[in-house]
N, C-alpha and C. Protein backbone atom coordinates (compact mmCIF):
# COMPACT_ATOMS: atom_id res chain seq x y z
N MET A 1 22.29 11.75 41.38
CA MET A 1 22.47 10.81 40.28
C MET A 1 21.66 11.29 39.08
N VAL A 2 22.23 11.23 37.92
CA VAL A 2 21.59 11.66 36.68
C VAL A 2 20.57 10.61 36.27
N ASN A 3 19.44 11.06 35.75
CA ASN A 3 18.40 10.15 35.27
C ASN A 3 18.85 9.55 33.95
N ASP A 4 19.35 8.35 33.97
CA ASP A 4 19.92 7.69 32.81
C ASP A 4 18.88 6.77 32.17
N PRO A 5 18.46 7.06 30.90
CA PRO A 5 17.44 6.23 30.26
C PRO A 5 17.89 4.79 30.06
N LEU A 6 19.20 4.54 30.09
CA LEU A 6 19.67 3.17 29.93
C LEU A 6 19.41 2.33 31.17
N HIS A 7 19.20 2.99 32.31
CA HIS A 7 18.98 2.25 33.55
C HIS A 7 17.56 2.39 34.08
N ASN A 8 16.80 3.30 33.57
CA ASN A 8 15.42 3.49 34.00
C ASN A 8 14.50 2.86 32.95
N PRO A 9 13.84 1.74 33.27
CA PRO A 9 13.01 1.04 32.29
C PRO A 9 11.92 1.90 31.65
N ALA A 10 11.29 2.77 32.44
CA ALA A 10 10.23 3.62 31.89
C ALA A 10 10.80 4.58 30.86
N ASP A 11 11.94 5.18 31.18
CA ASP A 11 12.57 6.10 30.25
C ASP A 11 13.04 5.38 28.99
N LYS A 12 13.50 4.17 29.15
CA LYS A 12 13.97 3.38 28.01
C LYS A 12 12.82 3.11 27.03
N PHE A 13 11.66 2.75 27.57
CA PHE A 13 10.51 2.51 26.70
C PHE A 13 10.02 3.80 26.08
N ASP A 14 10.03 4.89 26.84
CA ASP A 14 9.63 6.19 26.29
C ASP A 14 10.54 6.58 25.13
N GLU A 15 11.82 6.35 25.28
CA GLU A 15 12.78 6.64 24.20
C GLU A 15 12.49 5.76 22.98
N PHE A 16 12.12 4.52 23.22
CA PHE A 16 11.77 3.60 22.14
C PHE A 16 10.55 4.14 21.38
N GLN A 17 9.55 4.60 22.11
CA GLN A 17 8.35 5.16 21.48
C GLN A 17 8.69 6.42 20.68
N ARG A 18 9.54 7.27 21.22
CA ARG A 18 9.96 8.47 20.48
C ARG A 18 10.67 8.07 19.18
N SER A 19 11.49 7.06 19.26
CA SER A 19 12.19 6.59 18.06
C SER A 19 11.20 6.04 17.03
N ALA A 20 10.18 5.33 17.49
CA ALA A 20 9.15 4.82 16.58
C ALA A 20 8.41 5.98 15.91
N ASN A 21 8.14 7.02 16.67
CA ASN A 21 7.49 8.20 16.09
C ASN A 21 8.39 8.90 15.09
N GLU A 22 9.68 8.90 15.34
CA GLU A 22 10.64 9.48 14.39
C GLU A 22 10.63 8.70 13.08
N VAL A 23 10.52 7.38 13.17
CA VAL A 23 10.44 6.55 11.96
C VAL A 23 9.19 6.94 11.17
N ARG A 24 8.06 7.07 11.86
CA ARG A 24 6.82 7.48 11.19
C ARG A 24 6.96 8.84 10.53
N THR A 25 7.55 9.79 11.23
CA THR A 25 7.73 11.14 10.71
C THR A 25 8.63 11.13 9.48
N THR A 26 9.70 10.37 9.54
CA THR A 26 10.61 10.24 8.40
C THR A 26 9.87 9.67 7.20
N TYR A 27 9.07 8.63 7.45
CA TYR A 27 8.28 8.03 6.38
C TYR A 27 7.30 9.04 5.79
N GLU A 28 6.56 9.71 6.64
CA GLU A 28 5.53 10.64 6.16
C GLU A 28 6.12 11.76 5.31
N SER A 29 7.29 12.26 5.70
CA SER A 29 7.89 13.33 4.89
C SER A 29 8.37 12.79 3.54
N GLY A 30 8.88 11.59 3.50
CA GLY A 30 9.31 11.00 2.24
C GLY A 30 8.15 10.54 1.38
N TRP A 31 7.07 10.12 2.01
CA TRP A 31 5.90 9.60 1.31
C TRP A 31 5.18 10.68 0.52
N GLU A 32 5.29 11.92 0.94
CA GLU A 32 4.57 13.01 0.27
C GLU A 32 4.77 12.97 -1.24
N ARG A 33 5.97 12.68 -1.68
CA ARG A 33 6.27 12.65 -3.12
C ARG A 33 5.44 11.58 -3.85
N PHE A 34 5.10 10.52 -3.16
CA PHE A 34 4.40 9.40 -3.79
C PHE A 34 2.93 9.31 -3.42
N SER A 35 2.43 10.26 -2.66
CA SER A 35 1.06 10.17 -2.14
C SER A 35 0.01 10.14 -3.24
N PHE A 36 0.35 10.65 -4.41
CA PHE A 36 -0.61 10.61 -5.52
C PHE A 36 -0.96 9.18 -5.91
N THR A 37 -0.11 8.22 -5.53
CA THR A 37 -0.37 6.82 -5.91
C THR A 37 -1.53 6.22 -5.14
N THR A 38 -2.11 6.97 -4.21
CA THR A 38 -3.32 6.49 -3.55
C THR A 38 -4.52 6.60 -4.50
N LEU A 39 -4.35 7.38 -5.57
CA LEU A 39 -5.39 7.52 -6.58
C LEU A 39 -5.35 6.34 -7.55
N ASP A 40 -6.41 6.18 -8.30
CA ASP A 40 -6.45 5.17 -9.36
C ASP A 40 -5.52 5.60 -10.49
N PRO A 41 -4.74 4.69 -11.07
CA PRO A 41 -3.83 5.07 -12.16
C PRO A 41 -4.53 5.68 -13.37
N GLY A 42 -5.81 5.42 -13.52
CA GLY A 42 -6.57 6.02 -14.62
C GLY A 42 -7.04 7.44 -14.32
N ASN A 43 -6.90 7.86 -13.08
CA ASN A 43 -7.31 9.19 -12.66
C ASN A 43 -6.38 10.24 -13.28
N ALA A 44 -6.98 11.30 -13.81
CA ALA A 44 -6.19 12.36 -14.46
C ALA A 44 -5.17 12.98 -13.50
N LYS A 45 -5.53 13.12 -12.24
CA LYS A 45 -4.61 13.70 -11.25
C LYS A 45 -3.38 12.80 -11.04
N PHE A 46 -3.58 11.49 -11.09
CA PHE A 46 -2.48 10.53 -10.98
C PHE A 46 -1.48 10.77 -12.10
N ILE A 47 -1.98 10.82 -13.33
CA ILE A 47 -1.13 11.01 -14.51
C ILE A 47 -0.48 12.39 -14.48
N GLU A 48 -1.26 13.39 -14.12
CA GLU A 48 -0.75 14.77 -14.07
C GLU A 48 0.41 14.89 -13.07
N THR A 49 0.23 14.31 -11.90
CA THR A 49 1.27 14.38 -10.87
C THR A 49 2.51 13.59 -11.28
N LEU A 50 2.30 12.41 -11.81
CA LEU A 50 3.41 11.60 -12.30
C LEU A 50 4.20 12.35 -13.37
N THR A 51 3.48 12.96 -14.29
CA THR A 51 4.10 13.71 -15.39
C THR A 51 4.88 14.92 -14.88
N SER A 52 4.31 15.63 -13.92
CA SER A 52 4.99 16.85 -13.44
C SER A 52 6.18 16.54 -12.53
N GLN A 53 6.07 15.50 -11.71
CA GLN A 53 7.16 15.20 -10.78
C GLN A 53 8.34 14.50 -11.43
N TRP A 54 8.10 13.82 -12.52
CA TRP A 54 9.17 13.12 -13.23
C TRP A 54 9.23 13.63 -14.67
N GLU A 55 9.21 14.94 -14.82
CA GLU A 55 9.12 15.57 -16.14
C GLU A 55 10.32 15.29 -17.03
N ASP A 56 11.47 14.99 -16.47
CA ASP A 56 12.66 14.74 -17.28
C ASP A 56 12.79 13.29 -17.73
N ALA A 57 11.86 12.46 -17.37
CA ALA A 57 11.99 11.02 -17.62
C ALA A 57 11.54 10.57 -19.01
N GLY A 58 10.97 11.43 -19.83
CA GLY A 58 10.56 11.03 -21.18
C GLY A 58 9.10 10.64 -21.25
N SER A 59 8.83 9.46 -21.80
CA SER A 59 7.46 9.00 -22.00
C SER A 59 6.78 8.69 -20.66
N LEU A 60 5.47 8.50 -20.71
CA LEU A 60 4.72 8.17 -19.50
C LEU A 60 5.25 6.88 -18.89
N LEU A 61 5.58 5.91 -19.73
CA LEU A 61 6.14 4.65 -19.23
C LEU A 61 7.49 4.89 -18.54
N ASP A 62 8.32 5.73 -19.13
CA ASP A 62 9.61 6.07 -18.52
C ASP A 62 9.41 6.77 -17.17
N LYS A 63 8.43 7.64 -17.11
CA LYS A 63 8.13 8.36 -15.86
C LYS A 63 7.67 7.37 -14.78
N ALA A 64 6.80 6.43 -15.18
CA ALA A 64 6.32 5.43 -14.23
C ALA A 64 7.48 4.55 -13.74
N GLU A 65 8.38 4.19 -14.65
CA GLU A 65 9.54 3.38 -14.26
C GLU A 65 10.47 4.15 -13.32
N ALA A 66 10.68 5.43 -13.60
CA ALA A 66 11.52 6.27 -12.73
C ALA A 66 10.88 6.40 -11.34
N ALA A 67 9.56 6.62 -11.33
CA ALA A 67 8.85 6.73 -10.05
C ALA A 67 8.92 5.40 -9.29
N LEU A 68 8.75 4.30 -10.01
CA LEU A 68 8.81 2.97 -9.39
C LEU A 68 10.20 2.73 -8.77
N ASP A 69 11.23 3.11 -9.49
CA ASP A 69 12.59 2.97 -8.95
C ASP A 69 12.74 3.76 -7.65
N GLU A 70 12.20 4.97 -7.64
CA GLU A 70 12.30 5.81 -6.44
C GLU A 70 11.48 5.22 -5.28
N VAL A 71 10.31 4.68 -5.60
CA VAL A 71 9.49 4.05 -4.55
C VAL A 71 10.26 2.87 -3.95
N LYS A 72 10.89 2.08 -4.80
CA LYS A 72 11.66 0.92 -4.31
C LYS A 72 12.84 1.37 -3.45
N GLN A 73 13.51 2.43 -3.86
CA GLN A 73 14.62 2.96 -3.06
C GLN A 73 14.12 3.45 -1.70
N PHE A 74 12.99 4.14 -1.73
CA PHE A 74 12.41 4.65 -0.49
C PHE A 74 11.98 3.49 0.41
N SER A 75 11.43 2.45 -0.21
CA SER A 75 11.03 1.26 0.54
C SER A 75 12.24 0.63 1.23
N THR A 76 13.33 0.52 0.51
CA THR A 76 14.55 -0.04 1.09
C THR A 76 15.06 0.85 2.22
N GLN A 77 15.01 2.15 2.00
CA GLN A 77 15.45 3.10 3.03
C GLN A 77 14.62 2.94 4.30
N MET A 78 13.32 2.72 4.14
CA MET A 78 12.43 2.64 5.29
C MET A 78 12.34 1.25 5.91
N LEU A 79 12.47 0.19 5.08
CA LEU A 79 12.22 -1.17 5.56
C LEU A 79 13.41 -2.11 5.45
N GLY A 80 14.48 -1.67 4.84
CA GLY A 80 15.64 -2.53 4.59
C GLY A 80 16.41 -2.89 5.85
N LYS A 81 17.44 -3.72 5.66
CA LYS A 81 18.23 -4.24 6.77
C LYS A 81 18.95 -3.15 7.58
N LYS A 82 19.24 -2.03 6.93
CA LYS A 82 19.95 -0.95 7.62
C LYS A 82 19.05 0.25 7.91
N SER A 83 17.76 0.03 7.86
CA SER A 83 16.80 1.12 8.06
C SER A 83 16.65 1.47 9.54
N LEU A 84 16.04 2.63 9.77
CA LEU A 84 15.72 3.03 11.14
C LEU A 84 14.80 2.01 11.80
N LEU A 85 13.88 1.46 11.02
CA LEU A 85 12.94 0.47 11.55
C LEU A 85 13.68 -0.81 11.96
N ALA A 86 14.63 -1.25 11.15
CA ALA A 86 15.41 -2.44 11.49
C ALA A 86 16.21 -2.21 12.77
N ASN A 87 16.78 -1.03 12.90
CA ASN A 87 17.52 -0.71 14.13
C ASN A 87 16.59 -0.69 15.34
N LEU A 88 15.38 -0.20 15.13
CA LEU A 88 14.41 -0.17 16.21
C LEU A 88 14.03 -1.59 16.64
N LYS A 89 13.87 -2.48 15.67
CA LYS A 89 13.55 -3.88 15.98
C LYS A 89 14.64 -4.51 16.85
N LYS A 90 15.88 -4.18 16.54
CA LYS A 90 17.00 -4.73 17.32
C LYS A 90 16.96 -4.26 18.77
N ARG A 91 16.39 -3.11 19.00
CA ARG A 91 16.36 -2.54 20.35
C ARG A 91 15.29 -3.16 21.24
N ILE A 92 14.37 -3.92 20.67
CA ILE A 92 13.31 -4.53 21.48
C ILE A 92 13.92 -5.38 22.59
N GLY A 93 14.97 -6.11 22.28
CA GLY A 93 15.61 -6.98 23.26
C GLY A 93 16.24 -6.25 24.43
N THR A 94 16.45 -4.96 24.29
CA THR A 94 17.05 -4.19 25.38
C THR A 94 16.01 -3.63 26.34
N LEU A 95 14.75 -3.78 25.97
CA LEU A 95 13.66 -3.25 26.80
C LEU A 95 13.32 -4.23 27.92
N PRO A 96 12.68 -3.74 28.97
CA PRO A 96 12.23 -4.63 30.04
C PRO A 96 11.27 -5.68 29.48
N ASP A 97 11.34 -6.88 30.01
CA ASP A 97 10.50 -7.98 29.53
C ASP A 97 9.03 -7.60 29.45
N ALA A 98 8.56 -6.87 30.44
CA ALA A 98 7.15 -6.50 30.51
C ALA A 98 6.72 -5.57 29.38
N ARG A 99 7.66 -4.91 28.71
CA ARG A 99 7.31 -3.93 27.66
C ARG A 99 7.63 -4.44 26.25
N ARG A 100 8.27 -5.60 26.14
CA ARG A 100 8.68 -6.10 24.83
C ARG A 100 7.50 -6.40 23.91
N GLY A 101 6.45 -6.98 24.46
CA GLY A 101 5.27 -7.28 23.65
C GLY A 101 4.65 -6.02 23.09
N GLU A 102 4.52 -5.03 23.94
CA GLU A 102 3.97 -3.74 23.53
C GLU A 102 4.87 -3.09 22.46
N ALA A 103 6.17 -3.21 22.65
CA ALA A 103 7.11 -2.65 21.68
C ALA A 103 7.00 -3.39 20.34
N GLY A 104 6.85 -4.70 20.40
CA GLY A 104 6.68 -5.49 19.17
C GLY A 104 5.43 -5.09 18.41
N GLN A 105 4.34 -4.87 19.14
CA GLN A 105 3.10 -4.44 18.50
C GLN A 105 3.26 -3.06 17.87
N LEU A 106 3.95 -2.17 18.55
CA LEU A 106 4.20 -0.84 18.02
C LEU A 106 5.00 -0.93 16.72
N ILE A 107 6.02 -1.77 16.71
CA ILE A 107 6.83 -1.97 15.50
C ILE A 107 5.97 -2.50 14.37
N GLN A 108 5.11 -3.46 14.67
CA GLN A 108 4.23 -4.02 13.63
C GLN A 108 3.30 -2.96 13.06
N LEU A 109 2.76 -2.10 13.90
CA LEU A 109 1.89 -1.03 13.42
C LEU A 109 2.64 -0.07 12.51
N VAL A 110 3.83 0.33 12.94
CA VAL A 110 4.63 1.26 12.15
C VAL A 110 5.02 0.61 10.82
N GLU A 111 5.46 -0.63 10.88
CA GLU A 111 5.88 -1.33 9.66
C GLU A 111 4.72 -1.49 8.69
N SER A 112 3.56 -1.83 9.19
CA SER A 112 2.38 -1.98 8.34
C SER A 112 1.98 -0.64 7.72
N ALA A 113 2.04 0.42 8.51
CA ALA A 113 1.69 1.76 8.01
C ALA A 113 2.64 2.22 6.91
N ILE A 114 3.84 1.68 6.90
CA ILE A 114 4.81 2.02 5.87
C ILE A 114 4.70 1.07 4.68
N LYS A 115 4.63 -0.22 4.97
CA LYS A 115 4.70 -1.24 3.92
C LYS A 115 3.48 -1.23 2.99
N LYS A 116 2.28 -1.14 3.54
CA LYS A 116 1.07 -1.23 2.71
C LYS A 116 1.00 -0.15 1.64
N PRO A 117 1.18 1.12 1.98
CA PRO A 117 1.13 2.15 0.94
C PRO A 117 2.25 2.01 -0.10
N LEU A 118 3.43 1.59 0.34
CA LEU A 118 4.53 1.44 -0.61
C LEU A 118 4.26 0.30 -1.59
N LEU A 119 3.74 -0.81 -1.09
CA LEU A 119 3.40 -1.92 -1.99
C LEU A 119 2.29 -1.53 -2.95
N SER A 120 1.32 -0.78 -2.46
CA SER A 120 0.24 -0.30 -3.32
C SER A 120 0.78 0.64 -4.39
N ALA A 121 1.69 1.52 -4.01
CA ALA A 121 2.30 2.45 -4.97
C ALA A 121 3.04 1.68 -6.05
N GLU A 122 3.80 0.67 -5.64
CA GLU A 122 4.52 -0.15 -6.62
C GLU A 122 3.54 -0.81 -7.59
N ASP A 123 2.48 -1.40 -7.05
CA ASP A 123 1.49 -2.07 -7.90
C ASP A 123 0.86 -1.11 -8.91
N LYS A 124 0.51 0.07 -8.45
CA LYS A 124 -0.15 1.03 -9.34
C LYS A 124 0.80 1.56 -10.41
N LEU A 125 2.05 1.76 -10.07
CA LEU A 125 3.02 2.22 -11.07
C LEU A 125 3.33 1.12 -12.08
N ILE A 126 3.30 -0.12 -11.63
CA ILE A 126 3.52 -1.25 -12.55
C ILE A 126 2.35 -1.36 -13.53
N GLN A 127 1.14 -1.01 -13.09
CA GLN A 127 -0.04 -1.08 -13.96
C GLN A 127 0.10 -0.21 -15.20
N LEU A 128 0.84 0.89 -15.06
CA LEU A 128 1.02 1.78 -16.21
C LEU A 128 1.94 1.11 -17.20
């Protein structure tokens, strides 16, 4: 008999964890473009990075607005109704009862790790 993850509870949870890690990896690769927003908006490196990455956007305000639009799009991609994270949340109900709480906590950790930096990036770009 083939080891089917749909019928083996341990394999099913392992697959869930791998999927959660894939969500994190997807976020981290997309976040690189916006990582400069961890700096203070008054920091020269913040302005320099904003200016260089959105060089076609015109004024500094236009660049900040373009970056903000991209952050919002990325946020929707990562946290929206059709996101990988949303699909992962739907899968919690398919897990064994004993693992659902652990899966829920994992989802909360991943969601928080994504949501907090994105909200901070939005706030800092709005400050400009």
